[in-house]
C-alpha atoms as a PDB file:
ATOM      1  CA  MET A   1     -30.957   6.438   9.724  1.00  0.00           C
ATOM      2  CA  GLY A   2     -31.115   3.181   9.289  1.00  0.00           C
ATOM      3  CA  MET A   3     -29.020  -0.094   8.304  1.00  0.00           C
ATOM      4  CA  THR A   4     -30.351  -1.435   5.108  1.00  0.00           C
ATOM      5  CA  ASN A   5     -29.333  -5.004   3.784  1.00  0.00           C
ATOM      6  CA  ASP A   6     -26.907  -4.235   1.536  1.00  0.00           C
ATOM      7  CA  GLY A   7     -24.590  -2.418   4.532  1.00  0.00           C
ATOM      8  CA  THR A   8     -25.731   0.892   3.681  1.00  0.00           C
ATOM      9  CA  ASN A   9     -27.188   3.289   5.788  1.00  0.00           C
ATOM     10  CA  LYS A  10     -29.900   5.651   4.388  1.00  0.00           C
ATOM     11  CA  ALA A  11     -31.956   8.650   6.464  1.00  0.00           C
ATOM     12  CA  PHE A  12     -35.450   8.632   4.780  1.00  0.00           C
ATOM     13  CA  GLY A  13     -36.318  12.328   3.630  1.00  0.00           C
ATOM     14  CA  GLN A  14     -40.075  13.421   3.811  1.00  0.00           C
ATOM     15  CA  GLU A  15     -41.748  11.438   1.165  1.00  0.00           C
ATOM     16  CA  GLY A  16     -40.119   8.746   2.710  1.00  0.00           C
ATOM     17  CA  GLU A  17     -37.949   8.107  -0.193  1.00  0.00           C
ATOM     18  CA  PRO A  18     -34.728   6.570   0.880  1.00  0.00           C
ATOM     19  CA  VAL A  19     -31.294   9.300   0.336  1.00  0.00           C
ATOM     20  CA  LEU A  20     -28.879   7.516  -0.037  1.00  0.00           C
ATOM     21  CA  LYS A  21     -26.230   9.299   2.485  1.00  0.00           C
ATOM     22  CA  GLN A  22     -23.337   7.148   2.546  1.00  0.00           C
ATOM     23  CA  SER A  23     -21.889   3.412   2.980  1.00  0.00           C
ATOM     24  CA  VAL A  24     -20.176   1.816   5.341  1.00  0.00           C
ATOM     25  CA  ARG A  25     -17.758  -1.370   5.052  1.00  0.00           C
ATOM     26  CA  ARG A  26     -17.917  -3.945   8.046  1.00  0.00           C
ATOM     27  CA  ILE A  27     -15.578  -6.005   7.524  1.00  0.00           C
ATOM     28  CA  GLN A  28     -16.596 -10.014   9.445  1.00  0.00           C
ATOM     29  CA  PRO A  29     -13.174 -11.883  10.313  1.00  0.00           C
ATOM     30  CA  GLY A  30     -12.683 -14.413   6.916  1.00  0.00           C
ATOM     31  CA  GLN A  31     -15.014 -12.055   4.566  1.00  0.00           C
ATOM     32  CA  LYS A  32     -12.979 -10.231   1.675  1.00  0.00           C
ATOM     33  CA  PRO A  33     -13.466  -6.535   1.292  1.00  0.00           C
ATOM     34  CA  TYR A  34     -14.594  -5.057  -1.939  1.00  0.00           C
ATOM     35  CA  GLY A  35     -11.906  -3.019  -2.660  1.00  0.00           C
ATOM     36  CA  LEU A  36      -9.710  -2.521   0.475  1.00  0.00           C
ATOM     37  CA  SER A  37      -6.267  -2.898  -0.933  1.00  0.00           C
ATOM     38  CA  VAL A  38      -4.764  -1.572  -4.867  1.00  0.00           C
ATOM     39  CA  LYS A  39      -2.093  -2.666  -5.336  1.00  0.00           C
ATOM     40  CA  ARG A  40       1.457  -0.467  -5.042  1.00  0.00           C
ATOM     41  CA  GLY A  41       0.667   1.756  -8.230  1.00  0.00           C
ATOM     42  CA  SER A  42      -2.304  -0.083  -9.923  1.00  0.00           C
ATOM     43  CA  ASP A  43      -4.927   2.799  -9.807  1.00  0.00           C
ATOM     44  CA  ASN A  44      -5.004   5.458 -11.373  1.00  0.00           C
ATOM     45  CA  HIS A  45      -7.032   7.093 -10.767  1.00  0.00           C
ATOM     46  CA  GLY A  46      -5.692   9.411  -7.550  1.00  0.00           C
ATOM     47  CA  THR A  47      -2.351   9.380  -5.469  1.00  0.00           C
ATOM     48  CA  TRP A  48      -2.385   7.678  -2.154  1.00  0.00           C
ATOM     49  CA  THR A  49      -1.656   9.227   1.347  1.00  0.00           C
ATOM     50  CA  THR A  50       1.248   8.167   3.563  1.00  0.00           C
ATOM     51  CA  TRP A  51      -0.249   5.958   6.771  1.00  0.00           C
ATOM     52  CA  PHE A  52      -1.998   7.884   9.341  1.00  0.00           C
ATOM     53  CA  ASN A  53      -1.883   6.285  13.104  1.00  0.00           C
ATOM     54  CA  ILE A  54      -3.413   9.076  15.646  1.00  0.00           C
ATOM     55  CA  ASP A  55      -5.158   6.696  18.082  1.00  0.00           C
ATOM     56  CA  HIS A  56      -3.527   3.723  20.237  1.00  0.00           C
ATOM     57  CA  PRO A  57      -6.061   1.269  21.598  1.00  0.00           C
ATOM     58  CA  GLY A  58      -8.029   1.348  24.882  1.00  0.00           C
ATOM     59  CA  GLY A  59     -10.720   2.134  25.812  1.00  0.00           C
ATOM     60  CA  ASN A  60     -13.815   0.729  23.828  1.00  0.00           C
ATOM     61  CA  GLY A  61     -11.634   0.770  20.410  1.00  0.00           C
ATOM     62  CA  ASP A  62      -9.188   1.726  17.865  1.00  0.00           C
ATOM     63  CA  TYR A  63     -10.641   4.661  15.633  1.00  0.00           C
ATOM     64  CA  GLU A  64      -8.328   6.545  13.593  1.00  0.00           C
ATOM     65  CA  ARG A  65     -11.138   9.040  12.302  1.00  0.00           C
ATOM     66  CA  THR A  66     -10.968  11.376   9.093  1.00  0.00           C
ATOM     67  CA  ASP A  67     -11.587  14.455  10.855  1.00  0.00           C
ATOM     68  CA  ALA A  68      -9.076  13.786  12.940  1.00  0.00           C
ATOM     69  CA  ILE A  69      -6.669  12.927  11.132  1.00  0.00           C
ATOM     70  CA  ARG A  70      -6.723  16.652   9.135  1.00  0.00           C
ATOM     71  CA  PHE A  71      -7.116  18.284  12.011  1.00  0.00           C
ATOM     72  CA  TYR A  72      -4.043  17.985  13.390  1.00  0.00           C
ATOM     73  CA  TYR A  73      -2.670  16.296   8.963  1.00  0.00           C
ATOM     74  CA  GLN A  74      -4.584  20.041   7.668  1.00  0.00           C
ATOM     75  CA  GLU A  75      -4.002  19.675   3.957  1.00  0.00           C
ATOM     76  CA  ARG A  76      -2.247  16.412   3.870  1.00  0.00           C
ATOM     77  CA  VAL A  77      -5.359  14.882   3.511  1.00  0.00           C
ATOM     78  CA  CYS A  78      -8.066  15.362   0.692  1.00  0.00           C
ATOM     79  CA  LEU A  79     -11.501  16.846   1.811  1.00  0.00           C
ATOM     80  CA  ARG A  80     -13.077  14.348  -0.668  1.00  0.00           C
ATOM     81  CA  PRO A  81     -10.746  10.810  -0.368  1.00  0.00           C
ATOM     82  CA  ILE A  82     -12.281   8.336  -3.054  1.00  0.00           C
ATOM     83  CA  ARG A  83     -10.743   5.641  -0.088  1.00  0.00           C
ATOM     84  CA  ILE A  84      -9.426   4.234   1.975  1.00  0.00           C
ATOM     85  CA  GLU A  85      -7.005   1.284   3.692  1.00  0.00           C
ATOM     86  CA  ALA A  86      -6.391   0.330   6.834  1.00  0.00           C
ATOM     87  CA  ARG A  87      -3.581  -2.142   8.302  1.00  0.00           C
ATOM     88  CA  THR A  88      -2.274  -2.471  11.353  1.00  0.00           C
ATOM     89  CA  THR A  89       1.025  -1.110  12.709  1.00  0.00           C
ATOM     90  CA  ASP A  90       2.916  -4.692  11.929  1.00  0.00           C
ATOM     91  CA  TRP A  91       1.603  -4.478   8.735  1.00  0.00           C
ATOM     92  CA  ILE A  92      -1.352  -6.767   8.656  1.00  0.00           C
ATOM     93  CA  PRO A  93      -4.372  -5.751   6.060  1.00  0.00           C
ATOM     94  CA  ALA A  94      -7.024  -4.778   8.469  1.00  0.00           C
ATOM     95  CA  ALA A  95      -9.229  -7.970   6.491  1.00  0.00           C
ATOM     96  CA  ASN A  96      -5.774 -10.675   7.795  1.00  0.00           C
ATOM     97  CA  THR A  97      -6.812  -9.682  11.389  1.00  0.00           C
ATOM     98  CA  GLY A  98      -9.534 -12.057  11.574  1.00  0.00           C
ATOM     99  CA  GLN A  99     -11.120  -8.533  13.516  1.00  0.00           C
ATOM    100  CA  VAL A 100     -14.554  -6.879  12.736  1.00  0.00           C
ATOM    101  CA  VAL A 101     -13.446  -3.051  12.043  1.00  0.00           C
ATOM    102  CA  HIS A 102     -15.084  -0.587   9.504  1.00  0.00           C
ATOM    103  CA  LEU A 103     -14.263   1.694   7.166  1.00  0.00           C
ATOM    104  CA  ASP A 104     -15.223   5.204   5.302  1.00  0.00           C
ATOM    105  CA  ALA A 105     -13.314   7.206   3.242  1.00  0.00           C
ATOM    106  CA  GLN A 106     -15.331  10.032   4.541  1.00  0.00           C
ATOM    107  CA  GLU A 107     -15.901   8.657   8.121  1.00  0.00           C
ATOM    108  CA  GLY A 108     -12.592   7.283   8.329  1.00  0.00           C
ATOM    109  CA  PHE A 109     -11.619   3.833  10.805  1.00  0.00           C
ATOM    110  CA  TRP A 110     -12.884   1.964  13.819  1.00  0.00           C
ATOM    111  CA  CYS A 111     -12.868  -0.782  15.796  1.00  0.00           C
ATOM    112  CA  LEU A 112     -14.494  -1.709  18.913  1.00  0.00           C
ATOM    113  CA  ASN A 113     -13.913  -3.488  21.014  1.00  0.00           C
ATOM    114  CA  LYS A 114     -17.066  -5.167  22.069  1.00  0.00           C
ATOM    115  CA  GLU A 115     -17.329  -6.770  18.053  1.00  0.00           C
ATOM    116  CA  GLN A 116     -14.108  -8.368  18.524  1.00  0.00           C
ATOM    117  CA  PRO A 117     -14.458 -12.411  19.409  1.00  0.00           C
ATOM    118  CA  GLU A 118     -14.115 -13.299  23.034  1.00  0.00           C
ATOM    119  CA  GLY A 119     -11.120 -12.452  25.138  1.00  0.00           C
ATOM    120  CA  GLN A 120      -9.577  -9.750  22.395  1.00  0.00           C
ATOM    121  CA  THR A 121      -8.961  -6.089  21.751  1.00  0.00           C
ATOM    122  CA  CYS A 122      -8.482  -4.270  18.813  1.00  0.00           C
ATOM    123  CA  LEU A 123      -5.052  -3.739  17.631  1.00  0.00           C
ATOM    124  CA  ASN A 124      -3.550  -1.003  16.550  1.00  0.00           C
ATOM    125  CA  TYR A 125      -4.186   0.447  13.462  1.00  0.00           C
ATOM    126  CA  ALA A 126      -2.750   2.633  10.859  1.00  0.00           C
ATOM    127  CA  VAL A 127      -4.662   4.296   7.642  1.00  0.00           C
ATOM    128  CA  ARG A 128      -4.192   5.848   4.082  1.00  0.00           C
ATOM    129  CA  PHE A 129      -6.602   7.273   1.487  1.00  0.00           C
ATOM    130  CA  LEU A 130      -7.012   7.418  -1.616  1.00  0.00           C
ATOM    131  CA  CYS A 131      -7.357  10.978  -2.829  1.00  0.00           C
ATOM    132  CA  PRO A 132      -8.041  12.257  -6.869  1.00  0.00           C
ATOM    133  CA  VAL A 133      -5.333  13.194  -8.209  1.00  0.00           C
ATOM    134  CA  GLY A 134      -4.058  17.133  -7.802  1.00  0.00           C
ATOM    135  CA  SER A 135      -6.574  17.044  -4.446  1.00  0.00           C
ATOM    136  CA  LEU A 136      -3.310  16.843  -2.703  1.00  0.00           C
ATOM    137  CA  PRO A 137      -2.115  20.704  -2.308  1.00  0.00           C
ATOM    138  CA  GLN A 138       1.419  19.068  -1.603  1.00  0.00           C
ATOM    139  CA  ASP A 139       3.176  18.033  -5.409  1.00  0.00           C
ATOM    140  CA  SER A 140       5.870  15.943  -6.152  1.00  0.00           C
ATOM    141  CA  LYS A 141       8.407  18.373  -5.262  1.00  0.00           C
ATOM    142  CA  THR A 142       8.169  18.511  -2.061  1.00  0.00           C
ATOM    143  CA  LEU A 143       7.984  15.256  -1.730  1.00  0.00           C
ATOM    144  CA  TRP A 144      11.121  14.816  -2.663  1.00  0.00           C
ATOM    145  CA  SER A 145      14.671  16.548  -1.813  1.00  0.00           C
ATOM    146  CA  SER A 146      16.882  18.755  -4.343  1.00  0.00           C
ATOM    147  CA  TRP A 147      18.374  17.137  -7.193  1.00  0.00           C
ATOM    148  CA  THR A 148      22.192  16.915  -6.172  1.00  0.00           C
ATOM    149  CA  LYS A 149      24.841  18.106  -8.474  1.00  0.00           C
ATOM    150  CA  TRP A 150      26.163  16.532 -11.824  1.00  0.00           C
ATOM    151  CA  SER A 151      28.737  14.112 -11.240  1.00  0.00           C
ATOM    152  CA  GLU A 152      32.105  14.117 -13.185  1.00  0.00           C
ATOM    153  CA  CYS A 153      31.966  12.975 -15.900  1.00  0.00           C
ATOM    154  CA  SER A 154      33.034   9.546 -16.501  1.00  0.00           C
ATOM    155  CA  ALA A 155      34.792  10.508 -20.096  1.00  0.00           C
ATOM    156  CA  LYS A 156      38.472  10.449 -21.075  1.00  0.00           C
ATOM    157  CA  CYS A 157      39.792  12.782 -23.172  1.00  0.00           C
ATOM    158  CA  ASP A 158      37.767  13.378 -26.112  1.00  0.00           C
ATOM    159  CA  GLN A 159      35.732  10.628 -25.580  1.00  0.00           C
ATOM    160  CA  THR A 160      31.708  10.787 -24.386  1.00  0.00           C
ATOM    161  CA  GLY A 161      30.835  10.029 -21.293  1.00  0.00           C
ATOM    162  CA  ILE A 162      27.738  10.138 -19.015  1.00  0.00           C
ATOM    163  CA  GLN A 163      27.185  12.104 -15.655  1.00  0.00           C
ATOM    164  CA  THR A 164      24.438  10.954 -13.283  1.00  0.00           C
ATOM    165  CA  ARG A 165      22.588  13.175 -10.273  1.00  0.00           C
ATOM    166  CA  THR A 166      20.160  11.600  -7.496  1.00  0.00           C
ATOM    167  CA  ARG A 167      18.091  12.899  -5.413  1.00  0.00           C
ATOM    168  CA  THR A 168      15.420  10.790  -2.237  1.00  0.00           C
ATOM    169  CA  CYS A 169      11.878  10.220  -1.803  1.00  0.00           C
ATOM    170  CA  LEU A 170      10.986  12.528   2.020  1.00  0.00           C
ATOM    171  CA  ALA A 171       7.714  10.726   1.839  1.00  0.00           C
ATOM    172  CA  GLU A 172       6.741   8.691   5.089  1.00  0.00           C
ATOM    173  CA  SER A 173       7.235   5.247   3.199  1.00  0.00           C
ATOM    174  CA  LEU A 174       9.657   4.196   0.742  1.00  0.00           C
ATOM    175  CA  TRP A 175       6.624   1.666  -0.314  1.00  0.00           C
ATOM    176  CA  ASP A 176       4.326   5.379  -0.804  1.00  0.00           C
ATOM    177  CA  PRO A 177       3.630   5.117  -4.515  1.00  0.00           C
ATOM    178  CA  ARG A 178       4.425   8.810  -4.731  1.00  0.00           C
ATOM    179  CA  CYS A 179       7.929   7.381  -4.273  1.00  0.00           C
ATOM    180  CA  GLU A 180       8.105   5.613  -7.758  1.00  0.00           C
ATOM    181  CA  GLU A 181       9.155   8.148  -9.686  1.00  0.00           C
ATOM    182  CA  VAL A 182      12.793   8.929 -11.070  1.00  0.00           C
ATOM    183  CA  SER A 183      15.089   9.154  -8.194  1.00  0.00           C
ATOM    184  CA  GLU A 184      18.429   8.703 -10.788  1.00  0.00           C
ATOM    185  CA  GLU A 185      18.824  10.806 -13.947  1.00  0.00           C
ATOM    186  CA  GLY A 186      21.675  11.063 -16.729  1.00  0.00           C
ATOM    187  CA  ARG A 187      23.667  12.494 -19.495  1.00  0.00           C
ATOM    188  CA  ARG A 188      25.733  12.120 -21.847  1.00  0.00           C
ATOM    189  CA  CYS A 189      29.000  14.518 -21.341  1.00  0.00           C
ATOM    190  CA  LEU A 190      31.988  15.014 -23.534  1.00  0.00           C
ATOM    191  CA  GLY A 191      35.728  14.149 -21.503  1.00  0.00           C
ATOM    192  CA  PRO A 192      38.412  17.179 -21.719  1.00  0.00           C
ATOM    193  CA  PRO A 193      40.321  17.614 -24.564  1.00  0.00           C
ATOM    194  CA  CYS A 194      43.545  15.735 -25.146  1.00  0.00           C
ATOM    195  CA  SER A 195      46.767  17.663 -24.636  1.00  0.00           C
ATOM    196  CA  GLY A 196      50.064  17.038 -25.571  1.00  0.00           C
ATOM    197  CA  ALA A 197      49.057  14.180 -28.883  1.00  0.00           C
ATOM    198  CA  LEU A 198      51.086  14.466 -31.000  1.00  0.00           C
END
């Protein structure tokens, strides 16, 4: 397998024709990574997972490999992620760290100490994956607490008021796009009948 000029890994078949295997992005310091990040809630083609951090920098670097993450978290990572994002555990996007890192939705993330500027070692990174809609077994029900009971009606006697109920997002981060669903509902209600009126 060889690296082509466009940065994609290609294997060559029996006839010598290149067969595209996968695309691996290598981010150099100061390079703008194409499609590395998405504004929260702006991608309608999939669902982001929570952030994962299973390895800590040390030895040769930091490795957040997709197969290892799936081993530990199983169904929380889809079988065929569309994209991957990486940030440090201090919330700095990988592209802004000045470090050379590698991203691939199928393989995961890796940062090698030997590729960093002299005197630097890899920071501690976390990753998340964009999965096709409906590919994650857990649906929104598992990410939210049960609804509370409806509140008391706010109306006085023979008047119309409002009742509310709430629920809490259980994702690891409140910045998870799935936490943007409705967390409070309201409905109209009728107050108790007035008594003793002349």
